[in-house]
Amino acid sequence: MFGLLIGDALGVPYEFHSAASISTLATIEMTPPPNFERAHEGVPPGTWSDDGAQALALLDALLRDRNLDLVAFADNLLDWFHRGTFTPDGNVFDVGLQTQRAFHRLASGVAPAVAGPSDDHDNGNGSLMRCLPVVMVATSHEEAIHLARKQSLITHGHTRSQLCCALYCLTAMGILENMTAADAVRAAENELLERYAGAAEEVELKIALDGRFDAPRGSGYVVDSFWSAIHCLLSTRNYEDCVRRAIMLGNDTDTTAAIAGGLAGTLYGEGALPMRWLATLRRREIAEGLLAKLRHFYRTPGANALF
C-alpha cells in the first residue's frame, strides 16, 4: 500500500508532461527541480491523489465487508469526491472524466453495479489504479479475480478494464507466492486464458494481453497503463528505479507510478521504500490506521499469508 501511495505522490508534480520534458531519472523527487513547471501547483510534496485515495476507500470497504458491498464502496468514493475523505488534507484535485461520469450516474439513482460506463472507449485506468487492496483480503485466486472485477464496476464497467484489474491482482498474488515478477505476470496471463477460454471474455482478454507488444507510453488507457507498469517492474531491480522509470514515461505519471509502485512494494517489501519519500508522505497515519485494522482483522487461521 505504501508502495502505491509513494508512487502516486511522487508522480503528481510530473502529471501531463511528455516524456521528453522530464529530464533525468536521478532528478525525480517529491519536489521537482526548481525550473520544472510542476502540475497541480499548490499541492504540497508528498500528497497522494485520486489513485491513493480510491485505493484507501476500497481498503476501508473491504475491511467492513470482505465480499465488498458495492453500495458501501460507492459511498466511500462519493465521500472522497465530495468531502475529500481518504485524502491527506480534504483537497480533491484530480478526478478522471470517466469516474466523474460514473458519479453523476450514481447521483441520478443508477445502481453501483451498473454505474460504470461500459462502451469500448470507456477503458481508462481508474479502477486499475486502486485495486491492490483486493490482494490484501483475497484468500484464493478465484476470490481475487472476483473482487478485482467487482470493484471496477462502479466506475469502469467494460470487461477489458475488469480483466486488467484481475491481471494486476493475480500478478501481485503470484509475487506473494514467491514467484519472480516475470513468472507472476506469465502465470496471471495463463490462468485467465484458461479460465476464459471459449467464454465471452476471451476476446477482450486477448486485446488486453496484446498490449504487451506495444511500447509503454504511460497513458490513461487501461491496457497501456497495466503494461507500462509491468515494463517498469521488469526492467528495474529496486523500488526507487521502478517508480522513477514509470514517471519518465510521462503523461499519466501519478497513476503509472502508483500501479507500478504497488507491485514493486509487494516485490521488494517495506524496507525497500526510500525513507526520504516515506517521511515526506503526508498524513500517512490514514493508511497506517487502515492497515492496522487489516492486520488485526485477518490474523486468523486460513487468512492471506501476507498477514
C-alpha atoms as a PDB file:
ATOM      1  CA  MET A   1       0.000   0.000   0.000  1.00  0.00           C
ATOM      2  CA  PHE A   2       2.789   2.437   0.796  1.00  0.00           C
ATOM      3  CA  GLY A   3       4.460   1.483  -2.462  1.00  0.00           C
ATOM      4  CA  LEU A   4       1.291   2.631  -4.224  1.00  0.00           C
ATOM      5  CA  LEU A   5       0.885   5.824  -2.183  1.00  0.00           C
ATOM      6  CA  ILE A   6       4.502   6.904  -2.588  1.00  0.00           C
ATOM      7  CA  GLY A   7       4.448   6.208  -6.323  1.00  0.00           C
ATOM      8  CA  ASP A   8       1.263   8.242  -6.650  1.00  0.00           C
ATOM      9  CA  ALA A   9       2.595  11.198  -4.652  1.00  0.00           C
ATOM     10  CA  LEU A  10       5.944  11.114  -6.445  1.00  0.00           C
ATOM     11  CA  GLY A  11       4.212  11.258  -9.819  1.00  0.00           C
ATOM     12  CA  VAL A  12       1.774  14.071  -9.017  1.00  0.00           C
ATOM     13  CA  PRO A  13       4.042  17.029  -9.932  1.00  0.00           C
ATOM     14  CA  TYR A  14       5.003  15.425 -13.262  1.00  0.00           C
ATOM     15  CA  GLU A  15       1.479  14.601 -14.489  1.00  0.00           C
ATOM     16  CA  PHE A  16       0.523  15.721 -18.010  1.00  0.00           C
ATOM     17  CA  HIS A  17       4.161  16.249 -19.026  1.00  0.00           C
ATOM     18  CA  SER A  18       5.609  14.488 -22.034  1.00  0.00           C
ATOM     19  CA  ALA A  19       8.420  12.000 -21.550  1.00  0.00           C
ATOM     20  CA  ALA A  20      10.776  14.396 -23.338  1.00  0.00           C
ATOM     21  CA  SER A  21      10.089  17.180 -20.835  1.00  0.00           C
ATOM     22  CA  ILE A  22      11.128  15.089 -17.815  1.00  0.00           C
ATOM     23  CA  SER A  23      14.889  15.466 -17.634  1.00  0.00           C
ATOM     24  CA  THR A  24      16.643  12.516 -15.981  1.00  0.00           C
ATOM     25  CA  LEU A  25      15.841   9.607 -13.712  1.00  0.00           C
ATOM     26  CA  ALA A  26      18.032  10.925 -10.904  1.00  0.00           C
ATOM     27  CA  THR A  27      16.231  14.284 -10.695  1.00  0.00           C
ATOM     28  CA  ILE A  28      12.810  12.768  -9.981  1.00  0.00           C
ATOM     29  CA  GLU A  29      11.942  13.564  -6.373  1.00  0.00           C
ATOM     30  CA  MET A  30       8.860  14.590  -4.399  1.00  0.00           C
ATOM     31  CA  THR A  31       9.914  18.171  -5.108  1.00  0.00           C
ATOM     32  CA  PRO A  32      10.934  18.562  -8.762  1.00  0.00           C
ATOM     33  CA  PRO A  33      13.894  20.731  -9.844  1.00  0.00           C
ATOM     34  CA  PRO A  34      13.292  24.492  -9.366  1.00  0.00           C
ATOM     35  CA  ASN A  35      12.855  25.196 -13.074  1.00  0.00           C
ATOM     36  CA  PHE A  36      10.329  22.403 -13.616  1.00  0.00           C
ATOM     37  CA  GLU A  37       6.760  23.551 -14.317  1.00  0.00           C
ATOM     38  CA  ARG A  38       5.012  21.200 -11.917  1.00  0.00           C
ATOM     39  CA  ALA A  39       1.447  20.007 -12.364  1.00  0.00           C
ATOM     40  CA  HIS A  40      -1.117  20.817  -9.653  1.00  0.00           C
ATOM     41  CA  GLU A  41       0.656  23.928  -8.443  1.00  0.00           C
ATOM     42  CA  GLY A  42      -0.034  24.478  -4.758  1.00  0.00           C
ATOM     43  CA  VAL A  43      -0.350  20.791  -3.902  1.00  0.00           C
ATOM     44  CA  PRO A  44       2.340  20.110  -1.263  1.00  0.00           C
ATOM     45  CA  PRO A  45       5.031  17.500  -1.962  1.00  0.00           C
ATOM     46  CA  GLY A  46       4.149  14.048  -0.668  1.00  0.00           C
ATOM     47  CA  THR A  47       0.419  14.342  -1.408  1.00  0.00           C
ATOM     48  CA  TRP A  48      -1.259  11.332  -2.972  1.00  0.00           C
ATOM     49  CA  SER A  49      -4.025  11.952  -5.484  1.00  0.00           C
ATOM     50  CA  ASP A  50      -7.161  10.122  -6.608  1.00  0.00           C
ATOM     51  CA  ASP A  51      -5.207   6.896  -7.074  1.00  0.00           C
ATOM     52  CA  GLY A  52      -4.227   6.587  -3.425  1.00  0.00           C
ATOM     53  CA  ALA A  53      -7.492   7.962  -2.076  1.00  0.00           C
ATOM     54  CA  GLN A  54      -9.595   5.478  -4.036  1.00  0.00           C
ATOM     55  CA  ALA A  55      -7.314   2.602  -3.026  1.00  0.00           C
ATOM     56  CA  LEU A  56      -7.815   3.557   0.623  1.00  0.00           C
ATOM     57  CA  ALA A  57     -11.562   3.856   0.017  1.00  0.00           C
ATOM     58  CA  LEU A  58     -11.551   0.317  -1.359  1.00  0.00           C
ATOM     59  CA  LEU A  59      -9.493  -0.994   1.543  1.00  0.00           C
ATOM     60  CA  ASP A  60     -11.929   0.566   4.015  1.00  0.00           C
ATOM     61  CA  ALA A  61     -14.900  -1.010   2.224  1.00  0.00           C
ATOM     62  CA  LEU A  62     -13.219  -4.423   2.183  1.00  0.00           C
ATOM     63  CA  LEU A  63     -12.476  -4.154   5.899  1.00  0.00           C
ATOM     64  CA  ARG A  64     -16.165  -3.679   6.559  1.00  0.00           C
ATOM     65  CA  ASP A  65     -17.231  -6.459   4.198  1.00  0.00           C
ATOM     66  CA  ARG A  66     -14.634  -8.735   2.635  1.00  0.00           C
ATOM     67  CA  ASN A  67     -17.197  -9.663  -0.064  1.00  0.00           C
ATOM     68  CA  LEU A  68     -17.315  -5.952  -0.989  1.00  0.00           C
ATOM     69  CA  ASP A  69     -20.653  -4.249  -0.610  1.00  0.00           C
ATOM     70  CA  LEU A  70     -20.756  -2.058  -3.719  1.00  0.00           C
ATOM     71  CA  VAL A  71     -23.149   0.419  -2.113  1.00  0.00           C
ATOM     72  CA  ALA A  72     -20.701   0.961   0.755  1.00  0.00           C
ATOM     73  CA  PHE A  73     -17.790   1.270  -1.654  1.00  0.00           C
ATOM     74  CA  ALA A  74     -19.727   3.738  -3.798  1.00  0.00           C
ATOM     75  CA  ASP A  75     -20.486   5.769  -0.662  1.00  0.00           C
ATOM     76  CA  ASN A  76     -16.758   5.833   0.139  1.00  0.00           C
ATOM     77  CA  LEU A  77     -15.912   7.026  -3.350  1.00  0.00           C
ATOM     78  CA  LEU A  78     -18.541   9.746  -3.191  1.00  0.00           C
ATOM     79  CA  ASP A  79     -17.314  10.790   0.258  1.00  0.00           C
ATOM     80  CA  TRP A  80     -13.882  11.209  -1.280  1.00  0.00           C
ATOM     81  CA  PHE A  81     -15.228  13.143  -4.271  1.00  0.00           C
ATOM     82  CA  HIS A  82     -17.481  15.497  -2.308  1.00  0.00           C
ATOM     83  CA  ARG A  83     -15.705  15.806   1.042  1.00  0.00           C
ATOM     84  CA  GLY A  84     -12.090  14.778   0.487  1.00  0.00           C
ATOM     85  CA  THR A  85     -12.274  11.702   2.706  1.00  0.00           C
ATOM     86  CA  PHE A  86      -9.180   9.473   2.345  1.00  0.00           C
ATOM     87  CA  THR A  87      -7.061  12.436   1.225  1.00  0.00           C
ATOM     88  CA  PRO A  88      -4.256  13.989   3.294  1.00  0.00           C
ATOM     89  CA  ASP A  89      -5.990  17.355   3.602  1.00  0.00           C
ATOM     90  CA  GLY A  90      -9.526  17.180   2.184  1.00  0.00           C
ATOM     91  CA  ASN A  91      -8.377  18.541  -1.168  1.00  0.00           C
ATOM     92  CA  VAL A  92      -9.612  16.656  -4.251  1.00  0.00           C
ATOM     93  CA  PHE A  93      -7.531  17.972  -7.136  1.00  0.00           C
ATOM     94  CA  ASP A  94      -7.506  15.199  -9.724  1.00  0.00           C
ATOM     95  CA  VAL A  95     -10.580  13.260 -10.886  1.00  0.00           C
ATOM     96  CA  GLY A  96     -10.809  11.223 -14.088  1.00  0.00           C
ATOM     97  CA  LEU A  97     -13.523  12.161 -16.570  1.00  0.00           C
ATOM     98  CA  GLN A  98     -14.926   8.634 -16.738  1.00  0.00           C
ATOM     99  CA  THR A  99     -15.048   8.457 -12.962  1.00  0.00           C
ATOM    100  CA  GLN A 100     -16.950  11.748 -12.874  1.00  0.00           C
ATOM    101  CA  ARG A 101     -19.463  10.377 -15.359  1.00  0.00           C
ATOM    102  CA  ALA A 102     -19.977   7.346 -13.138  1.00  0.00           C
ATOM    103  CA  PHE A 103     -20.520   9.567 -10.116  1.00  0.00           C
ATOM    104  CA  HIS A 104     -23.151  11.563 -11.994  1.00  0.00           C
ATOM    105  CA  ARG A 105     -24.890   8.298 -12.848  1.00  0.00           C
ATOM    106  CA  LEU A 106     -24.816   7.281  -9.185  1.00  0.00           C
ATOM    107  CA  ALA A 107     -26.306  10.640  -8.223  1.00  0.00           C
ATOM    108  CA  SER A 108     -29.142  10.071 -10.686  1.00  0.00           C
ATOM    109  CA  GLY A 109     -30.043   6.797  -8.998  1.00  0.00           C
ATOM    110  CA  VAL A 110     -28.172   4.249 -11.107  1.00  0.00           C
ATOM    111  CA  ALA A 111     -27.150   1.193  -9.065  1.00  0.00           C
ATOM    112  CA  PRO A 112     -23.402   0.947  -8.283  1.00  0.00           C
ATOM    113  CA  ALA A 113     -23.079  -2.397 -10.074  1.00  0.00           C
ATOM    114  CA  VAL A 114     -24.012  -0.786 -13.402  1.00  0.00           C
ATOM    115  CA  ALA A 115     -22.860   2.799 -12.842  1.00  0.00           C
ATOM    116  CA  GLY A 116     -19.509   2.427 -14.592  1.00  0.00           C
ATOM    117  CA  PRO A 117     -19.565   3.442 -18.267  1.00  0.00           C
ATOM    118  CA  SER A 118     -19.050   0.335 -20.381  1.00  0.00           C
ATOM    119  CA  ASP A 119     -18.599   1.308 -24.020  1.00  0.00           C
ATOM    120  CA  ASP A 120     -15.455   0.285 -25.881  1.00  0.00           C
ATOM    121  CA  HIS A 121     -13.930   3.743 -25.386  1.00  0.00           C
ATOM    122  CA  ASP A 122     -14.640   3.611 -21.639  1.00  0.00           C
ATOM    123  CA  ASN A 123     -11.407   1.907 -20.703  1.00  0.00           C
ATOM    124  CA  GLY A 124      -9.494   4.376 -18.603  1.00  0.00           C
ATOM    125  CA  ASN A 125      -7.220   3.232 -15.793  1.00  0.00           C
ATOM    126  CA  GLY A 126      -9.295   4.486 -12.859  1.00  0.00           C
ATOM    127  CA  SER A 127     -10.264   1.089 -11.469  1.00  0.00           C
ATOM    128  CA  LEU A 128      -6.866  -0.484 -12.130  1.00  0.00           C
ATOM    129  CA  MET A 129      -5.054   2.179 -10.108  1.00  0.00           C
ATOM    130  CA  ARG A 130      -6.982   1.369  -6.913  1.00  0.00           C
ATOM    131  CA  CYS A 131      -7.428  -2.408  -6.969  1.00  0.00           C
ATOM    132  CA  LEU A 132      -4.361  -3.527  -4.955  1.00  0.00           C
ATOM    133  CA  PRO A 133      -6.289  -3.880  -1.632  1.00  0.00           C
ATOM    134  CA  VAL A 134      -8.096  -6.856  -3.184  1.00  0.00           C
ATOM    135  CA  VAL A 135      -4.849  -8.800  -2.796  1.00  0.00           C
ATOM    136  CA  MET A 136      -4.777  -7.968   0.908  1.00  0.00           C
ATOM    137  CA  VAL A 137      -8.029  -9.786   1.625  1.00  0.00           C
ATOM    138  CA  ALA A 138      -8.377 -12.465  -1.062  1.00  0.00           C
ATOM    139  CA  THR A 139      -7.646 -15.984   0.177  1.00  0.00           C
ATOM    140  CA  SER A 140      -7.698 -17.568  -3.282  1.00  0.00           C
ATOM    141  CA  HIS A 141      -7.102 -16.672  -6.901  1.00  0.00           C
ATOM    142  CA  GLU A 142     -10.800 -17.199  -7.547  1.00  0.00           C
ATOM    143  CA  GLU A 143     -11.700 -14.620  -4.922  1.00  0.00           C
ATOM    144  CA  ALA A 144      -9.079 -12.178  -6.197  1.00  0.00           C
ATOM    145  CA  ILE A 145     -10.453 -12.345  -9.735  1.00  0.00           C
ATOM    146  CA  HIS A 146     -14.000 -11.887  -8.488  1.00  0.00           C
ATOM    147  CA  LEU A 147     -13.208  -8.920  -6.255  1.00  0.00           C
ATOM    148  CA  ALA A 148     -10.899  -7.266  -8.790  1.00  0.00           C
ATOM    149  CA  ARG A 149     -13.641  -7.301 -11.390  1.00  0.00           C
ATOM    150  CA  LYS A 150     -16.383  -6.373  -8.926  1.00  0.00           C
ATOM    151  CA  GLN A 151     -14.652  -3.271  -7.576  1.00  0.00           C
ATOM    152  CA  SER A 152     -14.239  -1.998 -11.151  1.00  0.00           C
ATOM    153  CA  LEU A 153     -17.961  -1.985 -11.898  1.00  0.00           C
ATOM    154  CA  ILE A 154     -18.777   1.264 -10.113  1.00  0.00           C
ATOM    155  CA  THR A 155     -16.651   3.446 -12.389  1.00  0.00           C
ATOM    156  CA  HIS A 156     -15.283   1.215 -15.164  1.00  0.00           C
ATOM    157  CA  GLY A 157     -17.823  -1.335 -16.313  1.00  0.00           C
ATOM    158  CA  HIS A 158     -16.178  -2.574 -19.508  1.00  0.00           C
ATOM    159  CA  THR A 159     -14.909  -6.158 -19.467  1.00  0.00           C
ATOM    160  CA  ARG A 160     -11.452  -5.058 -20.627  1.00  0.00           C
ATOM    161  CA  SER A 161     -10.994  -2.811 -17.613  1.00  0.00           C
ATOM    162  CA  GLN A 162     -12.209  -5.550 -15.282  1.00  0.00           C
ATOM    163  CA  LEU A 163      -9.796  -8.091 -16.761  1.00  0.00           C
ATOM    164  CA  CYS A 164      -6.829  -5.728 -16.449  1.00  0.00           C
ATOM    165  CA  CYS A 165      -7.665  -5.415 -12.755  1.00  0.00           C
ATOM    166  CA  ALA A 166      -7.750  -9.211 -12.493  1.00  0.00           C
ATOM    167  CA  LEU A 167      -4.376  -9.470 -14.273  1.00  0.00           C
ATOM    168  CA  TYR A 168      -2.875  -6.984 -11.846  1.00  0.00           C
ATOM    169  CA  CYS A 169      -4.194  -8.700  -8.731  1.00  0.00           C
ATOM    170  CA  LEU A 170      -3.148 -12.163  -9.890  1.00  0.00           C
ATOM    171  CA  THR A 171       0.321 -10.810 -10.670  1.00  0.00           C
ATOM    172  CA  ALA A 172       0.596  -9.380  -7.162  1.00  0.00           C
ATOM    173  CA  MET A 173      -0.614 -12.649  -5.659  1.00  0.00           C
ATOM    174  CA  GLY A 174       1.986 -14.550  -7.672  1.00  0.00           C
ATOM    175  CA  ILE A 175       4.694 -12.311  -6.241  1.00  0.00           C
ATOM    176  CA  LEU A 176       3.386 -13.000  -2.733  1.00  0.00           C
ATOM    177  CA  GLU A 177       3.578 -16.702  -3.542  1.00  0.00           C
ATOM    178  CA  ASN A 178       7.332 -16.233  -4.120  1.00  0.00           C
ATOM    179  CA  MET A 179       7.289 -16.222  -7.906  1.00  0.00           C
ATOM    180  CA  THR A 180       9.643 -13.920  -9.729  1.00  0.00           C
ATOM    181  CA  ALA A 181       7.869 -10.873 -11.118  1.00  0.00           C
ATOM    182  CA  ALA A 182       8.188 -12.169 -14.685  1.00  0.00           C
ATOM    183  CA  ASP A 183       6.812 -15.589 -13.718  1.00  0.00           C
ATOM    184  CA  ALA A 184       3.953 -13.952 -11.812  1.00  0.00           C
ATOM    185  CA  VAL A 185       2.916 -11.988 -14.898  1.00  0.00           C
ATOM    186  CA  ARG A 186       3.035 -15.091 -17.111  1.00  0.00           C
ATOM    187  CA  ALA A 187       1.116 -17.147 -14.566  1.00  0.00           C
ATOM    188  CA  ALA A 188      -1.585 -14.467 -14.371  1.00  0.00           C
ATOM    189  CA  GLU A 189      -1.908 -14.409 -18.161  1.00  0.00           C
ATOM    190  CA  ASN A 190      -2.116 -18.198 -18.388  1.00  0.00           C
ATOM    191  CA  GLU A 191      -4.632 -18.509 -15.571  1.00  0.00           C
ATOM    192  CA  LEU A 192      -7.019 -16.036 -17.151  1.00  0.00           C
ATOM    193  CA  LEU A 193      -6.567 -17.521 -20.637  1.00  0.00           C
ATOM    194  CA  GLU A 194      -7.501 -20.928 -19.265  1.00  0.00           C
ATOM    195  CA  ARG A 195     -10.354 -19.556 -17.198  1.00  0.00           C
ATOM    196  CA  TYR A 196     -11.976 -17.635 -20.055  1.00  0.00           C
ATOM    197  CA  ALA A 197     -11.219 -19.968 -22.970  1.00  0.00           C
ATOM    198  CA  GLY A 198     -14.346 -20.043 -25.117  1.00  0.00           C
ATOM    199  CA  ALA A 199     -16.139 -17.536 -22.880  1.00  0.00           C
ATOM    200  CA  ALA A 200     -17.419 -14.106 -23.830  1.00  0.00           C
ATOM    201  CA  GLU A 201     -14.453 -12.517 -22.022  1.00  0.00           C
ATOM    202  CA  GLU A 202     -11.846 -14.256 -24.206  1.00  0.00           C
ATOM    203  CA  VAL A 203     -11.786 -11.624 -26.957  1.00  0.00           C
ATOM    204  CA  GLU A 204     -11.345  -8.773 -24.501  1.00  0.00           C
ATOM    205  CA  LEU A 205      -8.685 -10.684 -22.589  1.00  0.00           C
ATOM    206  CA  LYS A 206      -6.676 -11.187 -25.774  1.00  0.00           C
ATOM    207  CA  ILE A 207      -6.934  -7.464 -26.528  1.00  0.00           C
ATOM    208  CA  ALA A 208      -5.580  -6.776 -23.047  1.00  0.00           C
ATOM    209  CA  LEU A 209      -2.758  -9.290 -23.456  1.00  0.00           C
ATOM    210  CA  ASP A 210      -1.782  -7.954 -26.883  1.00  0.00           C
ATOM    211  CA  GLY A 211      -0.829  -4.725 -25.142  1.00  0.00           C
ATOM    212  CA  ARG A 212       2.413  -6.347 -24.001  1.00  0.00           C
ATOM    213  CA  PHE A 213       3.741  -5.990 -27.539  1.00  0.00           C
ATOM    214  CA  ASP A 214       3.311  -2.196 -27.598  1.00  0.00           C
ATOM    215  CA  ALA A 215       5.892   0.297 -26.428  1.00  0.00           C
ATOM    216  CA  PRO A 216       4.977   1.650 -22.965  1.00  0.00           C
ATOM    217  CA  ARG A 217       3.527   5.167 -23.066  1.00  0.00           C
ATOM    218  CA  GLY A 218       2.264   5.775 -19.542  1.00  0.00           C
ATOM    219  CA  SER A 219      -1.127   6.821 -20.895  1.00  0.00           C
ATOM    220  CA  GLY A 220      -4.536   6.711 -19.251  1.00  0.00           C
ATOM    221  CA  TYR A 221      -5.683   3.732 -21.349  1.00  0.00           C
ATOM    222  CA  VAL A 222      -6.066   0.754 -19.036  1.00  0.00           C
ATOM    223  CA  VAL A 223      -4.189  -1.720 -21.233  1.00  0.00           C
ATOM    224  CA  ASP A 224      -1.222   0.580 -21.753  1.00  0.00           C
ATOM    225  CA  SER A 225      -1.322   1.571 -18.107  1.00  0.00           C
ATOM    226  CA  PHE A 226      -1.024  -2.046 -16.966  1.00  0.00           C
ATOM    227  CA  TRP A 227       1.770  -2.965 -19.365  1.00  0.00           C
ATOM    228  CA  SER A 228       3.642   0.289 -18.769  1.00  0.00           C
ATOM    229  CA  ALA A 229       3.723  -0.583 -15.069  1.00  0.00           C
ATOM    230  CA  ILE A 230       4.835  -4.144 -15.845  1.00  0.00           C
ATOM    231  CA  HIS A 231       7.601  -2.804 -18.091  1.00  0.00           C
ATOM    232  CA  CYS A 232       8.865  -0.621 -15.255  1.00  0.00           C
ATOM    233  CA  LEU A 233       8.736  -3.516 -12.793  1.00  0.00           C
ATOM    234  CA  LEU A 234      10.563  -5.982 -15.025  1.00  0.00           C
ATOM    235  CA  SER A 235      13.201  -3.568 -16.336  1.00  0.00           C
ATOM    236  CA  THR A 236      14.439  -2.402 -12.915  1.00  0.00           C
ATOM    237  CA  ARG A 237      15.872  -4.034  -9.804  1.00  0.00           C
ATOM    238  CA  ASN A 238      14.598  -1.887  -6.945  1.00  0.00           C
ATOM    239  CA  TYR A 239      11.565   0.106  -5.867  1.00  0.00           C
ATOM    240  CA  GLU A 240      13.096   3.528  -6.422  1.00  0.00           C
ATOM    241  CA  ASP A 241      14.155   2.903 -10.011  1.00  0.00           C
ATOM    242  CA  CYS A 242      10.810   1.264 -10.811  1.00  0.00           C
ATOM    243  CA  VAL A 243       8.650   4.238  -9.863  1.00  0.00           C
ATOM    244  CA  ARG A 244      11.104   6.724 -11.337  1.00  0.00           C
ATOM    245  CA  ARG A 245      11.043   4.880 -14.629  1.00  0.00           C
ATOM    246  CA  ALA A 246       7.241   4.989 -14.538  1.00  0.00           C
ATOM    247  CA  ILE A 247       7.384   8.765 -14.215  1.00  0.00           C
ATOM    248  CA  MET A 248       9.950   9.004 -17.005  1.00  0.00           C
ATOM    249  CA  LEU A 249       7.262   7.707 -19.382  1.00  0.00           C
ATOM    250  CA  GLY A 250       5.411  10.990 -18.891  1.00  0.00           C
ATOM    251  CA  ASN A 251       1.676  11.517 -19.364  1.00  0.00           C
ATOM    252  CA  ASP A 252      -0.361   9.908 -16.526  1.00  0.00           C
ATOM    253  CA  THR A 253       2.678   9.813 -14.260  1.00  0.00           C
ATOM    254  CA  ASP A 254       0.984   9.535 -10.887  1.00  0.00           C
ATOM    255  CA  THR A 255      -1.166   6.602 -11.950  1.00  0.00           C
ATOM    256  CA  THR A 256       1.578   4.692 -13.759  1.00  0.00           C
ATOM    257  CA  ALA A 257       3.840   5.131 -10.734  1.00  0.00           C
ATOM    258  CA  ALA A 258       1.042   4.119  -8.335  1.00  0.00           C
ATOM    259  CA  ILE A 259       0.305   0.932 -10.284  1.00  0.00           C
ATOM    260  CA  ALA A 260       3.984   0.064 -10.709  1.00  0.00           C
ATOM    261  CA  GLY A 261       4.717   1.143  -7.125  1.00  0.00           C
ATOM    262  CA  GLY A 262       2.102  -1.184  -5.691  1.00  0.00           C
ATOM    263  CA  LEU A 263       3.713  -4.148  -7.418  1.00  0.00           C
ATOM    264  CA  ALA A 264       7.250  -3.000  -6.587  1.00  0.00           C
ATOM    265  CA  GLY A 265       6.286  -2.568  -2.939  1.00  0.00           C
ATOM    266  CA  THR A 266       4.887  -6.093  -2.979  1.00  0.00           C
ATOM    267  CA  LEU A 267       8.041  -7.445  -4.613  1.00  0.00           C
ATOM    268  CA  TYR A 268      10.719  -5.633  -2.590  1.00  0.00           C
ATOM    269  CA  GLY A 269       8.968  -5.079   0.744  1.00  0.00           C
ATOM    270  CA  GLU A 270       8.639  -2.158   3.105  1.00  0.00           C
ATOM    271  CA  GLY A 271      12.368  -1.951   3.768  1.00  0.00           C
ATOM    272  CA  ALA A 272      12.995  -1.079   0.134  1.00  0.00           C
ATOM    273  CA  LEU A 273      10.908   2.106   0.278  1.00  0.00           C
ATOM    274  CA  PRO A 274      13.223   5.157   0.374  1.00  0.00           C
ATOM    275  CA  MET A 275      12.952   6.691   3.828  1.00  0.00           C
ATOM    276  CA  ARG A 276      13.101  10.243   2.461  1.00  0.00           C
ATOM    277  CA  TRP A 277       9.976   9.567   0.398  1.00  0.00           C
ATOM    278  CA  LEU A 278       8.170   7.778   3.192  1.00  0.00           C
ATOM    279  CA  ALA A 279       8.985  10.669   5.552  1.00  0.00           C
ATOM    280  CA  THR A 280       7.617  13.188   3.020  1.00  0.00           C
ATOM    281  CA  LEU A 281       4.352  11.296   2.523  1.00  0.00           C
ATOM    282  CA  ARG A 282       1.666  13.448   4.122  1.00  0.00           C
ATOM    283  CA  ARG A 283      -0.784  12.039   6.685  1.00  0.00           C
ATOM    284  CA  ARG A 284       0.472   8.501   6.274  1.00  0.00           C
ATOM    285  CA  GLU A 285      -1.274   7.694   9.538  1.00  0.00           C
ATOM    286  CA  ILE A 286      -4.501   7.489   7.497  1.00  0.00           C
ATOM    287  CA  ALA A 287      -3.136   4.437   5.706  1.00  0.00           C
ATOM    288  CA  GLU A 288      -1.445   3.112   8.834  1.00  0.00           C
ATOM    289  CA  GLY A 289      -4.766   3.123  10.683  1.00  0.00           C
ATOM    290  CA  LEU A 290      -6.484   1.066   7.998  1.00  0.00           C
ATOM    291  CA  LEU A 291      -3.551  -1.328   7.712  1.00  0.00           C
ATOM    292  CA  ALA A 292      -3.563  -1.843  11.495  1.00  0.00           C
ATOM    293  CA  LYS A 293      -7.235  -2.851  11.276  1.00  0.00           C
ATOM    294  CA  LEU A 294      -6.419  -5.165   8.396  1.00  0.00           C
ATOM    295  CA  ARG A 295      -3.641  -6.939  10.272  1.00  0.00           C
ATOM    296  CA  HIS A 296      -5.840  -7.403  13.320  1.00  0.00           C
ATOM    297  CA  PHE A 297      -8.919  -8.491  11.405  1.00  0.00           C
ATOM    298  CA  TYR A 298      -7.238 -11.053   9.169  1.00  0.00           C
ATOM    299  CA  ARG A 299      -4.759 -12.562  11.626  1.00  0.00           C
ATOM    300  CA  THR A 300      -6.844 -15.730  11.726  1.00  0.00           C
ATOM    301  CA  PRO A 301      -6.306 -19.330  10.516  1.00  0.00           C
ATOM    302  CA  GLY A 302      -6.657 -19.553   6.746  1.00  0.00           C
ATOM    303  CA  ALA A 303      -6.197 -15.835   6.170  1.00  0.00           C
ATOM    304  CA  ASN A 304      -3.991 -14.378   3.438  1.00  0.00           C
ATOM    305  CA  ALA A 305      -0.358 -15.315   4.002  1.00  0.00           C
ATOM    306  CA  LEU A 306       0.548 -11.643   3.826  1.00  0.00           C
ATOM    307  CA  PHE A 307      -0.589 -11.413   7.456  1.00  0.00           C
END
